[in-house]
Amino acid sequence: MNLARAFAAAILLCAAFGLSTCAGAWDGPRQAPAAAAKETTYHLGSGDKLRVIVYGEDDLGGEFEIDGTGLVRLPLIGQVQAGGLSVRQFEQEVKAKLDQGYLKDARVSVEVTNYRPFYIIGEVNKPGEYPYVNGMNVITAVALAGGYTYRANESGVYLRRDGTGDEESVPADPTTKINPGDIVRVPERFF
């Protein structure tokens, strides 16, 4: 009976001081941070290199780069918008254009062979442009840039996605994924 009262008192004390956990075993499973938990579909952009395969039509496929306006120039059908689309949406666009009088029920496959780079600026030893690698997170991005400077705030970074000017504050941990074209800014600490 005394053990039950002691446990209840400990829980009340934790709640009174606003502590979410007093003993790690009591709080259940932990949730990932909201910013890191967002899963997004990759959208193609300028600088991405694509391999397009049109089955049974070797002359219509090949490797192509998305230009600065977001277009890809393909044999026979000309310019096709790719920027801002997912890989599957781009496949459907190419199929639709080929089905408009050129082929009957074209089978198209598209894959990204080389992603556009990401950028890291701020309090890192070697800020600049770096090639994107699948599965990249903030920690690997900082490591590629030579690590933090002595002035860096290592607890969080600011992230700009999809070429927008809006920065989002995110934790500097392995759960924060980096996408091609992202701009990572490591802030300076003040104290």
N, C-alpha and C. Protein backbone atom coordinates (compact mmCIF):
# COMPACT_ATOMS: atom_id res chain seq x y z
N MET A 1 0.82 -1.19 0.00
CA MET A 1 0.00 0.00 0.00
C MET A 1 0.86 1.25 0.00
N ASN A 2 1.95 1.26 0.77
CA ASN A 2 2.84 2.42 0.81
C ASN A 2 3.53 2.64 -0.54
N LEU A 3 3.87 1.57 -1.23
CA LEU A 3 4.50 1.67 -2.54
C LEU A 3 3.55 2.33 -3.54
N ALA A 4 2.28 1.97 -3.50
CA ALA A 4 1.29 2.58 -4.40
C ALA A 4 1.14 4.07 -4.12
N ARG A 5 1.14 4.45 -2.83
CA ARG A 5 1.04 5.88 -2.49
C ARG A 5 2.28 6.64 -2.94
N ALA A 6 3.44 6.04 -2.77
CA ALA A 6 4.69 6.70 -3.18
C ALA A 6 4.70 6.90 -4.70
N PHE A 7 4.24 5.91 -5.43
CA PHE A 7 4.18 6.01 -6.88
C PHE A 7 3.22 7.13 -7.30
N ALA A 8 2.05 7.18 -6.68
CA ALA A 8 1.06 8.22 -7.00
C ALA A 8 1.60 9.60 -6.65
N ALA A 9 2.30 9.71 -5.54
CA ALA A 9 2.89 11.00 -5.15
C ALA A 9 3.95 11.44 -6.15
N ALA A 10 4.77 10.49 -6.61
CA ALA A 10 5.80 10.82 -7.60
C ALA A 10 5.18 11.32 -8.89
N ILE A 11 4.10 10.70 -9.32
CA ILE A 11 3.41 11.13 -10.55
C ILE A 11 2.83 12.52 -10.37
N LEU A 12 2.24 12.80 -9.22
CA LEU A 12 1.69 14.12 -8.95
C LEU A 12 2.78 15.19 -8.93
N LEU A 13 3.94 14.87 -8.36
CA LEU A 13 5.05 15.82 -8.35
C LEU A 13 5.53 16.12 -9.77
N CYS A 14 5.64 15.08 -10.57
CA CYS A 14 6.05 15.28 -11.96
C CYS A 14 5.07 16.19 -12.69
N ALA A 15 3.80 15.93 -12.51
CA ALA A 15 2.77 16.75 -13.16
C ALA A 15 2.81 18.18 -12.64
N ALA A 16 3.03 18.36 -11.34
CA ALA A 16 3.05 19.70 -10.74
C ALA A 16 4.20 20.53 -11.29
N PHE A 17 5.33 19.90 -11.56
CA PHE A 17 6.48 20.64 -12.09
C PHE A 17 6.52 20.65 -13.61
N GLY A 18 5.50 20.11 -14.26
CA GLY A 18 5.42 20.15 -15.72
C GLY A 18 6.39 19.21 -16.40
N LEU A 19 6.84 18.20 -15.71
CA LEU A 19 7.76 17.26 -16.31
C LEU A 19 6.99 16.20 -17.08
N SER A 20 7.41 15.94 -18.29
CA SER A 20 6.70 14.92 -19.08
C SER A 20 7.11 13.52 -18.66
N THR A 21 8.33 13.38 -18.13
CA THR A 21 8.76 12.06 -17.66
C THR A 21 9.54 12.20 -16.37
N CYS A 22 9.30 11.30 -15.47
CA CYS A 22 10.12 11.22 -14.26
C CYS A 22 11.00 9.99 -14.36
N ALA A 23 10.46 8.97 -14.90
CA ALA A 23 11.20 7.74 -15.17
C ALA A 23 10.81 7.33 -16.56
N GLY A 24 11.78 7.14 -17.42
CA GLY A 24 11.51 6.88 -18.83
C GLY A 24 10.54 5.75 -19.09
N ALA A 25 10.39 4.82 -18.16
CA ALA A 25 9.51 3.68 -18.39
C ALA A 25 8.04 4.04 -18.27
N TRP A 26 7.70 5.19 -17.71
CA TRP A 26 6.30 5.51 -17.42
C TRP A 26 5.60 6.27 -18.52
N ASP A 27 6.31 6.81 -19.49
CA ASP A 27 5.66 7.72 -20.43
C ASP A 27 5.25 7.08 -21.75
N GLY A 28 5.44 5.81 -21.94
CA GLY A 28 5.01 5.15 -23.18
C GLY A 28 5.94 5.50 -24.34
N PRO A 29 5.52 5.17 -25.56
CA PRO A 29 6.38 5.40 -26.71
C PRO A 29 6.56 6.89 -26.99
N ARG A 30 7.75 7.25 -27.42
CA ARG A 30 8.05 8.64 -27.74
C ARG A 30 7.63 8.94 -29.18
N GLN A 31 7.21 10.18 -29.38
CA GLN A 31 6.80 10.62 -30.71
C GLN A 31 7.96 11.35 -31.37
N ALA A 32 8.09 11.21 -32.68
CA ALA A 32 9.10 11.94 -33.44
C ALA A 32 8.67 13.40 -33.52
N PRO A 33 9.61 14.34 -33.62
CA PRO A 33 9.24 15.74 -33.76
C PRO A 33 8.37 15.96 -34.99
N ALA A 34 7.44 16.88 -34.89
CA ALA A 34 6.47 17.10 -35.98
C ALA A 34 7.16 17.49 -37.27
N ALA A 35 8.18 18.34 -37.22
CA ALA A 35 8.84 18.77 -38.45
C ALA A 35 9.56 17.61 -39.12
N ALA A 36 10.13 16.73 -38.33
CA ALA A 36 10.87 15.61 -38.91
C ALA A 36 9.94 14.50 -39.37
N ALA A 37 8.73 14.44 -38.81
CA ALA A 37 7.82 13.37 -39.14
C ALA A 37 7.13 13.56 -40.49
N LYS A 38 7.20 14.77 -41.02
CA LYS A 38 6.54 15.02 -42.30
C LYS A 38 7.20 14.19 -43.40
N GLU A 39 6.43 13.42 -44.10
CA GLU A 39 6.95 12.68 -45.24
C GLU A 39 6.42 13.36 -46.50
N THR A 40 7.32 13.68 -47.37
CA THR A 40 6.91 14.36 -48.59
C THR A 40 7.34 13.54 -49.80
N THR A 41 6.59 13.67 -50.87
CA THR A 41 6.94 13.05 -52.12
C THR A 41 7.98 13.92 -52.81
N TYR A 42 8.99 13.30 -53.36
CA TYR A 42 10.04 14.05 -54.04
C TYR A 42 9.49 14.65 -55.32
N HIS A 43 9.75 15.93 -55.52
CA HIS A 43 9.34 16.63 -56.73
C HIS A 43 10.57 16.96 -57.56
N LEU A 44 10.48 16.67 -58.84
CA LEU A 44 11.57 16.93 -59.76
C LEU A 44 11.83 18.42 -59.87
N GLY A 45 13.09 18.77 -60.19
CA GLY A 45 13.45 20.17 -60.34
C GLY A 45 14.65 20.34 -61.24
N SER A 46 14.98 21.59 -61.55
CA SER A 46 16.09 21.92 -62.43
C SER A 46 17.38 21.29 -61.93
N GLY A 47 18.08 20.63 -62.83
CA GLY A 47 19.33 19.98 -62.50
C GLY A 47 19.22 18.49 -62.28
N ASP A 48 18.01 17.97 -62.07
CA ASP A 48 17.85 16.53 -61.94
C ASP A 48 18.10 15.87 -63.30
N LYS A 49 18.75 14.72 -63.27
CA LYS A 49 18.97 13.95 -64.50
C LYS A 49 18.10 12.71 -64.45
N LEU A 50 17.41 12.45 -65.55
CA LEU A 50 16.43 11.36 -65.62
C LEU A 50 16.81 10.36 -66.69
N ARG A 51 16.46 9.11 -66.44
CA ARG A 51 16.54 8.07 -67.47
C ARG A 51 15.10 7.73 -67.84
N VAL A 52 14.78 7.93 -69.11
CA VAL A 52 13.44 7.64 -69.61
C VAL A 52 13.54 6.40 -70.49
N ILE A 53 12.69 5.42 -70.20
CA ILE A 53 12.64 4.20 -71.00
C ILE A 53 11.24 4.07 -71.58
N VAL A 54 11.17 3.96 -72.90
CA VAL A 54 9.90 3.68 -73.57
C VAL A 54 10.06 2.27 -74.12
N TYR A 55 9.33 1.32 -73.53
CA TYR A 55 9.50 -0.08 -73.88
C TYR A 55 9.15 -0.34 -75.34
N GLY A 56 10.06 -1.03 -76.03
CA GLY A 56 9.86 -1.36 -77.44
C GLY A 56 10.26 -0.23 -78.38
N GLU A 57 10.68 0.92 -77.85
CA GLU A 57 11.06 2.08 -78.67
C GLU A 57 12.35 2.68 -78.12
N ASP A 58 13.47 2.02 -78.38
CA ASP A 58 14.76 2.45 -77.84
C ASP A 58 15.15 3.86 -78.25
N ASP A 59 14.73 4.30 -79.43
CA ASP A 59 15.09 5.63 -79.92
C ASP A 59 14.38 6.76 -79.18
N LEU A 60 13.31 6.45 -78.46
CA LEU A 60 12.55 7.49 -77.75
C LEU A 60 13.01 7.69 -76.31
N GLY A 61 13.85 6.82 -75.81
CA GLY A 61 14.33 6.92 -74.44
C GLY A 61 15.73 7.48 -74.38
N GLY A 62 16.27 7.50 -73.19
CA GLY A 62 17.63 7.98 -72.98
C GLY A 62 17.75 8.73 -71.67
N GLU A 63 18.89 9.41 -71.50
CA GLU A 63 19.11 10.21 -70.30
C GLU A 63 18.94 11.68 -70.65
N PHE A 64 18.20 12.38 -69.80
CA PHE A 64 17.84 13.77 -70.05
C PHE A 64 17.98 14.56 -68.76
N GLU A 65 18.28 15.86 -68.90
CA GLU A 65 18.38 16.74 -67.74
C GLU A 65 17.25 17.76 -67.77
N ILE A 66 16.71 18.03 -66.60
CA ILE A 66 15.66 19.05 -66.50
C ILE A 66 16.34 20.41 -66.56
N ASP A 67 15.89 21.26 -67.47
CA ASP A 67 16.53 22.56 -67.64
C ASP A 67 16.04 23.57 -66.59
N GLY A 68 16.55 24.79 -66.68
CA GLY A 68 16.24 25.83 -65.72
C GLY A 68 14.78 26.24 -65.67
N THR A 69 14.03 25.93 -66.72
CA THR A 69 12.61 26.26 -66.74
C THR A 69 11.73 25.10 -66.31
N GLY A 70 12.36 23.96 -65.96
CA GLY A 70 11.60 22.79 -65.51
C GLY A 70 11.15 21.89 -66.63
N LEU A 71 11.69 22.09 -67.83
CA LEU A 71 11.28 21.29 -68.99
C LEU A 71 12.33 20.24 -69.35
N VAL A 72 11.86 19.16 -69.96
CA VAL A 72 12.72 18.13 -70.52
C VAL A 72 12.37 18.04 -71.99
N ARG A 73 13.38 18.00 -72.83
CA ARG A 73 13.16 17.87 -74.27
C ARG A 73 13.37 16.41 -74.67
N LEU A 74 12.27 15.79 -75.12
CA LEU A 74 12.30 14.37 -75.47
C LEU A 74 12.13 14.19 -76.98
N PRO A 75 12.71 13.12 -77.53
CA PRO A 75 12.54 12.86 -78.95
C PRO A 75 11.07 12.68 -79.32
N LEU A 76 10.70 13.14 -80.46
CA LEU A 76 9.37 13.00 -81.05
C LEU A 76 8.32 13.90 -80.42
N ILE A 77 8.26 13.98 -79.10
CA ILE A 77 7.19 14.75 -78.46
C ILE A 77 7.62 16.14 -78.01
N GLY A 78 8.92 16.43 -78.01
CA GLY A 78 9.41 17.76 -77.66
C GLY A 78 9.45 18.02 -76.17
N GLN A 79 9.07 19.26 -75.79
CA GLN A 79 9.18 19.68 -74.40
C GLN A 79 8.05 19.12 -73.54
N VAL A 80 8.45 18.62 -72.38
CA VAL A 80 7.48 18.09 -71.42
C VAL A 80 7.81 18.71 -70.07
N GLN A 81 6.80 19.24 -69.39
CA GLN A 81 7.01 19.82 -68.06
C GLN A 81 7.35 18.72 -67.07
N ALA A 82 8.46 18.89 -66.33
CA ALA A 82 8.87 17.93 -65.32
C ALA A 82 9.02 18.60 -63.95
N GLY A 83 9.46 19.85 -63.94
CA GLY A 83 9.67 20.57 -62.68
C GLY A 83 8.39 20.65 -61.87
N GLY A 84 8.49 20.26 -60.60
CA GLY A 84 7.33 20.31 -59.70
C GLY A 84 6.50 19.05 -59.69
N LEU A 85 6.78 18.13 -60.61
CA LEU A 85 6.03 16.87 -60.67
C LEU A 85 6.79 15.77 -59.94
N SER A 86 6.05 14.77 -59.48
CA SER A 86 6.71 13.57 -58.95
C SER A 86 7.17 12.73 -60.14
N VAL A 87 7.97 11.73 -59.88
CA VAL A 87 8.45 10.85 -60.96
C VAL A 87 7.26 10.16 -61.63
N ARG A 88 6.30 9.70 -60.84
CA ARG A 88 5.11 9.01 -61.41
C ARG A 88 4.26 9.96 -62.26
N GLN A 89 4.11 11.20 -61.80
CA GLN A 89 3.34 12.17 -62.58
C GLN A 89 4.04 12.47 -63.91
N PHE A 90 5.37 12.57 -63.88
CA PHE A 90 6.12 12.81 -65.11
C PHE A 90 5.97 11.62 -66.07
N GLU A 91 6.04 10.40 -65.54
CA GLU A 91 5.81 9.22 -66.38
C GLU A 91 4.46 9.30 -67.08
N GLN A 92 3.43 9.69 -66.33
CA GLN A 92 2.08 9.79 -66.90
C GLN A 92 2.01 10.88 -67.98
N GLU A 93 2.71 12.00 -67.77
CA GLU A 93 2.74 13.07 -68.77
C GLU A 93 3.38 12.58 -70.08
N VAL A 94 4.52 11.89 -69.95
CA VAL A 94 5.20 11.38 -71.15
C VAL A 94 4.32 10.35 -71.84
N LYS A 95 3.71 9.46 -71.10
CA LYS A 95 2.81 8.45 -71.67
C LYS A 95 1.66 9.11 -72.40
N ALA A 96 1.05 10.11 -71.78
CA ALA A 96 -0.09 10.80 -72.41
C ALA A 96 0.31 11.46 -73.72
N LYS A 97 1.48 12.10 -73.76
CA LYS A 97 1.93 12.75 -75.00
C LYS A 97 2.25 11.72 -76.08
N LEU A 98 2.86 10.60 -75.69
CA LEU A 98 3.16 9.56 -76.68
C LEU A 98 1.88 8.90 -77.19
N ASP A 99 0.88 8.78 -76.35
CA ASP A 99 -0.39 8.16 -76.75
C ASP A 99 -1.22 9.07 -77.66
N GLN A 100 -0.85 10.34 -77.78
CA GLN A 100 -1.59 11.29 -78.63
C GLN A 100 -1.12 11.18 -80.08
N GLY A 101 -1.31 10.04 -80.70
CA GLY A 101 -1.03 9.88 -82.11
C GLY A 101 0.32 9.30 -82.46
N TYR A 102 1.20 9.08 -81.50
CA TYR A 102 2.52 8.54 -81.82
C TYR A 102 2.60 7.05 -81.55
N LEU A 103 2.15 6.61 -80.40
CA LEU A 103 2.18 5.20 -80.03
C LEU A 103 0.82 4.80 -79.48
N LYS A 104 0.57 3.51 -79.52
CA LYS A 104 -0.66 3.01 -78.92
C LYS A 104 -0.30 2.36 -77.59
N ASP A 105 -0.85 2.89 -76.50
CA ASP A 105 -0.64 2.39 -75.16
C ASP A 105 0.86 2.26 -74.82
N ALA A 106 1.55 3.41 -74.86
CA ALA A 106 2.98 3.44 -74.57
C ALA A 106 3.24 3.01 -73.12
N ARG A 107 4.32 2.29 -72.94
CA ARG A 107 4.75 1.89 -71.60
C ARG A 107 6.03 2.67 -71.30
N VAL A 108 5.96 3.52 -70.28
CA VAL A 108 7.05 4.44 -69.97
C VAL A 108 7.52 4.21 -68.54
N SER A 109 8.83 4.24 -68.37
CA SER A 109 9.43 4.15 -67.04
C SER A 109 10.44 5.29 -66.91
N VAL A 110 10.43 5.95 -65.76
CA VAL A 110 11.35 7.06 -65.51
C VAL A 110 12.00 6.84 -64.15
N GLU A 111 13.31 7.10 -64.09
CA GLU A 111 14.02 7.07 -62.82
C GLU A 111 14.99 8.23 -62.76
N VAL A 112 15.25 8.71 -61.57
CA VAL A 112 16.21 9.79 -61.37
C VAL A 112 17.59 9.16 -61.27
N THR A 113 18.50 9.55 -62.16
CA THR A 113 19.86 8.99 -62.13
C THR A 113 20.82 9.87 -61.35
N ASN A 114 20.54 11.17 -61.29
CA ASN A 114 21.40 12.09 -60.55
C ASN A 114 20.54 13.23 -60.02
N TYR A 115 20.49 13.37 -58.70
CA TYR A 115 19.69 14.41 -58.08
C TYR A 115 20.42 15.74 -58.12
N ARG A 116 19.65 16.83 -58.08
CA ARG A 116 20.26 18.15 -57.99
C ARG A 116 20.93 18.30 -56.62
N PRO A 117 21.89 19.20 -56.50
CA PRO A 117 22.63 19.33 -55.24
C PRO A 117 21.80 20.01 -54.15
N PHE A 118 22.29 19.92 -52.92
CA PHE A 118 21.73 20.69 -51.82
C PHE A 118 22.80 21.69 -51.39
N TYR A 119 22.41 22.65 -50.58
CA TYR A 119 23.33 23.71 -50.16
C TYR A 119 23.33 23.79 -48.64
N ILE A 120 24.51 24.06 -48.08
CA ILE A 120 24.61 24.25 -46.64
C ILE A 120 25.42 25.51 -46.39
N ILE A 121 24.86 26.40 -45.57
CA ILE A 121 25.50 27.68 -45.30
C ILE A 121 25.50 27.92 -43.79
N GLY A 122 26.18 28.97 -43.38
CA GLY A 122 26.19 29.32 -41.96
C GLY A 122 27.42 28.78 -41.26
N GLU A 123 27.23 28.34 -40.04
CA GLU A 123 28.33 27.96 -39.16
C GLU A 123 28.81 26.53 -39.37
N VAL A 124 29.31 26.27 -40.59
CA VAL A 124 29.99 25.02 -40.91
C VAL A 124 31.35 25.37 -41.47
N ASN A 125 32.29 24.45 -41.43
CA ASN A 125 33.65 24.73 -41.86
C ASN A 125 33.80 24.93 -43.37
N LYS A 126 32.97 24.25 -44.16
CA LYS A 126 33.07 24.38 -45.62
C LYS A 126 31.68 24.57 -46.22
N PRO A 127 31.09 25.76 -46.09
CA PRO A 127 29.76 25.98 -46.66
C PRO A 127 29.82 25.89 -48.19
N GLY A 128 28.71 25.50 -48.79
CA GLY A 128 28.67 25.45 -50.25
C GLY A 128 27.66 24.46 -50.78
N GLU A 129 27.86 24.08 -52.03
CA GLU A 129 26.99 23.15 -52.76
C GLU A 129 27.58 21.76 -52.66
N TYR A 130 26.72 20.77 -52.39
CA TYR A 130 27.17 19.39 -52.27
C TYR A 130 26.22 18.46 -53.00
N PRO A 131 26.75 17.36 -53.55
CA PRO A 131 25.88 16.40 -54.23
C PRO A 131 24.96 15.70 -53.23
N TYR A 132 23.73 15.50 -53.64
CA TYR A 132 22.76 14.82 -52.79
C TYR A 132 23.00 13.31 -52.85
N VAL A 133 22.82 12.66 -51.69
CA VAL A 133 22.93 11.21 -51.58
C VAL A 133 21.62 10.71 -50.98
N ASN A 134 21.09 9.62 -51.49
CA ASN A 134 19.84 9.07 -50.95
C ASN A 134 19.93 8.86 -49.45
N GLY A 135 18.86 9.18 -48.75
CA GLY A 135 18.79 8.98 -47.31
C GLY A 135 19.52 10.04 -46.50
N MET A 136 19.85 11.15 -47.10
CA MET A 136 20.61 12.19 -46.42
C MET A 136 19.78 12.83 -45.30
N ASN A 137 20.47 13.13 -44.19
CA ASN A 137 19.84 13.86 -43.10
C ASN A 137 20.75 15.02 -42.70
N VAL A 138 20.32 15.81 -41.72
CA VAL A 138 21.08 16.99 -41.31
C VAL A 138 22.48 16.64 -40.84
N ILE A 139 22.61 15.55 -40.11
CA ILE A 139 23.92 15.16 -39.58
C ILE A 139 24.90 14.85 -40.71
N THR A 140 24.46 14.11 -41.72
CA THR A 140 25.37 13.79 -42.83
C THR A 140 25.68 15.04 -43.66
N ALA A 141 24.72 15.96 -43.77
CA ALA A 141 24.95 17.20 -44.50
C ALA A 141 26.03 18.03 -43.81
N VAL A 142 25.94 18.14 -42.49
CA VAL A 142 26.94 18.90 -41.73
C VAL A 142 28.31 18.21 -41.84
N ALA A 143 28.32 16.90 -41.80
CA ALA A 143 29.59 16.17 -41.92
C ALA A 143 30.24 16.41 -43.28
N LEU A 144 29.42 16.42 -44.35
CA LEU A 144 29.97 16.71 -45.68
C LEU A 144 30.58 18.10 -45.73
N ALA A 145 30.01 19.03 -44.98
CA ALA A 145 30.49 20.41 -44.98
C ALA A 145 31.61 20.64 -43.97
N GLY A 146 32.25 19.59 -43.50
CA GLY A 146 33.40 19.72 -42.64
C GLY A 146 33.09 19.89 -41.17
N GLY A 147 31.85 19.70 -40.77
CA GLY A 147 31.48 19.80 -39.36
C GLY A 147 31.13 21.22 -38.95
N TYR A 148 30.72 21.36 -37.70
CA TYR A 148 30.33 22.65 -37.15
C TYR A 148 31.55 23.51 -36.85
N THR A 149 31.39 24.83 -36.91
CA THR A 149 32.41 25.74 -36.40
C THR A 149 32.23 25.84 -34.89
N TYR A 150 33.16 26.48 -34.22
CA TYR A 150 33.06 26.61 -32.76
C TYR A 150 31.90 27.53 -32.35
N ARG A 151 31.39 28.35 -33.28
CA ARG A 151 30.28 29.27 -32.97
C ARG A 151 28.90 28.67 -33.27
N ALA A 152 28.84 27.47 -33.80
CA ALA A 152 27.58 26.90 -34.28
C ALA A 152 26.64 26.52 -33.15
N ASN A 153 25.36 26.74 -33.40
CA ASN A 153 24.30 26.23 -32.53
C ASN A 153 24.00 24.82 -33.04
N GLU A 154 24.41 23.82 -32.33
CA GLU A 154 24.32 22.44 -32.81
C GLU A 154 22.98 21.78 -32.52
N SER A 155 22.06 22.48 -31.89
CA SER A 155 20.78 21.86 -31.53
C SER A 155 19.74 21.92 -32.64
N GLY A 156 19.87 22.87 -33.56
CA GLY A 156 18.88 22.98 -34.62
C GLY A 156 19.43 23.72 -35.82
N VAL A 157 18.74 23.59 -36.94
CA VAL A 157 19.12 24.29 -38.17
C VAL A 157 17.86 24.90 -38.79
N TYR A 158 18.07 25.75 -39.77
CA TYR A 158 16.95 26.30 -40.54
C TYR A 158 17.00 25.68 -41.92
N LEU A 159 15.83 25.31 -42.43
CA LEU A 159 15.74 24.57 -43.67
C LEU A 159 14.79 25.27 -44.63
N ARG A 160 15.24 25.47 -45.87
CA ARG A 160 14.39 26.00 -46.94
C ARG A 160 14.20 24.90 -47.97
N ARG A 161 12.94 24.58 -48.25
CA ARG A 161 12.63 23.51 -49.20
C ARG A 161 11.98 24.07 -50.45
N ASP A 162 12.16 23.34 -51.55
CA ASP A 162 11.48 23.62 -52.82
C ASP A 162 11.69 25.05 -53.31
N GLY A 163 12.84 25.64 -53.05
CA GLY A 163 13.15 26.96 -53.57
C GLY A 163 12.36 28.10 -52.96
N THR A 164 11.67 27.85 -51.85
CA THR A 164 10.90 28.91 -51.21
C THR A 164 11.83 29.76 -50.35
N GLY A 165 11.39 30.95 -49.99
CA GLY A 165 12.16 31.82 -49.13
C GLY A 165 11.86 31.62 -47.67
N ASP A 166 10.91 30.73 -47.35
CA ASP A 166 10.51 30.50 -45.97
C ASP A 166 11.41 29.48 -45.32
N GLU A 167 12.01 29.88 -44.19
CA GLU A 167 12.84 28.95 -43.43
C GLU A 167 12.02 28.30 -42.34
N GLU A 168 12.29 27.02 -42.14
CA GLU A 168 11.62 26.26 -41.09
C GLU A 168 12.69 25.81 -40.10
N SER A 169 12.44 26.04 -38.82
CA SER A 169 13.37 25.60 -37.79
C SER A 169 13.14 24.12 -37.53
N VAL A 170 14.20 23.32 -37.65
CA VAL A 170 14.10 21.87 -37.45
C VAL A 170 15.24 21.40 -36.55
N PRO A 171 15.06 20.27 -35.87
CA PRO A 171 16.14 19.76 -35.02
C PRO A 171 17.31 19.25 -35.85
N ALA A 172 18.51 19.41 -35.32
CA ALA A 172 19.72 18.92 -35.99
C ALA A 172 19.99 17.50 -35.50
N ASP A 173 19.20 16.56 -36.01
CA ASP A 173 19.37 15.16 -35.63
C ASP A 173 19.07 14.27 -36.83
N PRO A 174 19.32 12.99 -36.72
CA PRO A 174 19.15 12.08 -37.86
C PRO A 174 17.71 11.95 -38.38
N THR A 175 16.72 12.42 -37.62
CA THR A 175 15.34 12.31 -38.09
C THR A 175 14.97 13.39 -39.09
N THR A 176 15.78 14.44 -39.21
CA THR A 176 15.49 15.53 -40.14
C THR A 176 16.13 15.21 -41.48
N LYS A 177 15.31 14.86 -42.44
CA LYS A 177 15.78 14.46 -43.76
C LYS A 177 16.04 15.69 -44.64
N ILE A 178 17.03 15.56 -45.50
CA ILE A 178 17.38 16.60 -46.46
C ILE A 178 16.98 16.10 -47.84
N ASN A 179 16.39 16.99 -48.65
CA ASN A 179 16.00 16.67 -50.02
C ASN A 179 16.90 17.40 -51.00
N PRO A 180 17.00 16.92 -52.23
CA PRO A 180 17.76 17.66 -53.24
C PRO A 180 17.21 19.08 -53.38
N GLY A 181 18.11 20.04 -53.53
CA GLY A 181 17.70 21.43 -53.70
C GLY A 181 17.46 22.17 -52.40
N ASP A 182 17.47 21.47 -51.27
CA ASP A 182 17.27 22.13 -49.97
C ASP A 182 18.44 23.06 -49.66
N ILE A 183 18.13 24.08 -48.86
CA ILE A 183 19.17 24.97 -48.34
C ILE A 183 19.14 24.83 -46.82
N VAL A 184 20.26 24.40 -46.26
CA VAL A 184 20.39 24.20 -44.82
C VAL A 184 21.23 25.34 -44.28
N ARG A 185 20.71 26.04 -43.27
CA ARG A 185 21.48 27.12 -42.63
C ARG A 185 21.70 26.76 -41.16
N VAL A 186 22.99 26.67 -40.79
CA VAL A 186 23.37 26.39 -39.42
C VAL A 186 23.56 27.73 -38.72
N PRO A 187 22.73 28.02 -37.72
CA PRO A 187 22.82 29.34 -37.07
C PRO A 187 23.97 29.42 -36.07
N GLU A 188 24.29 30.67 -35.71
CA GLU A 188 25.29 30.93 -34.70
C GLU A 188 24.65 30.90 -33.33
N ARG A 189 25.35 30.39 -32.34
CA ARG A 189 24.81 30.40 -30.99
C ARG A 189 25.14 31.74 -30.33
N PHE A 190 24.28 32.15 -29.43
CA PHE A 190 24.50 33.42 -28.74
C PHE A 190 24.48 33.17 -27.23
N PHE A 191 25.63 33.24 -26.60
CA PHE A 191 25.72 33.18 -25.15
C PHE A 191 27.10 33.50 -24.68
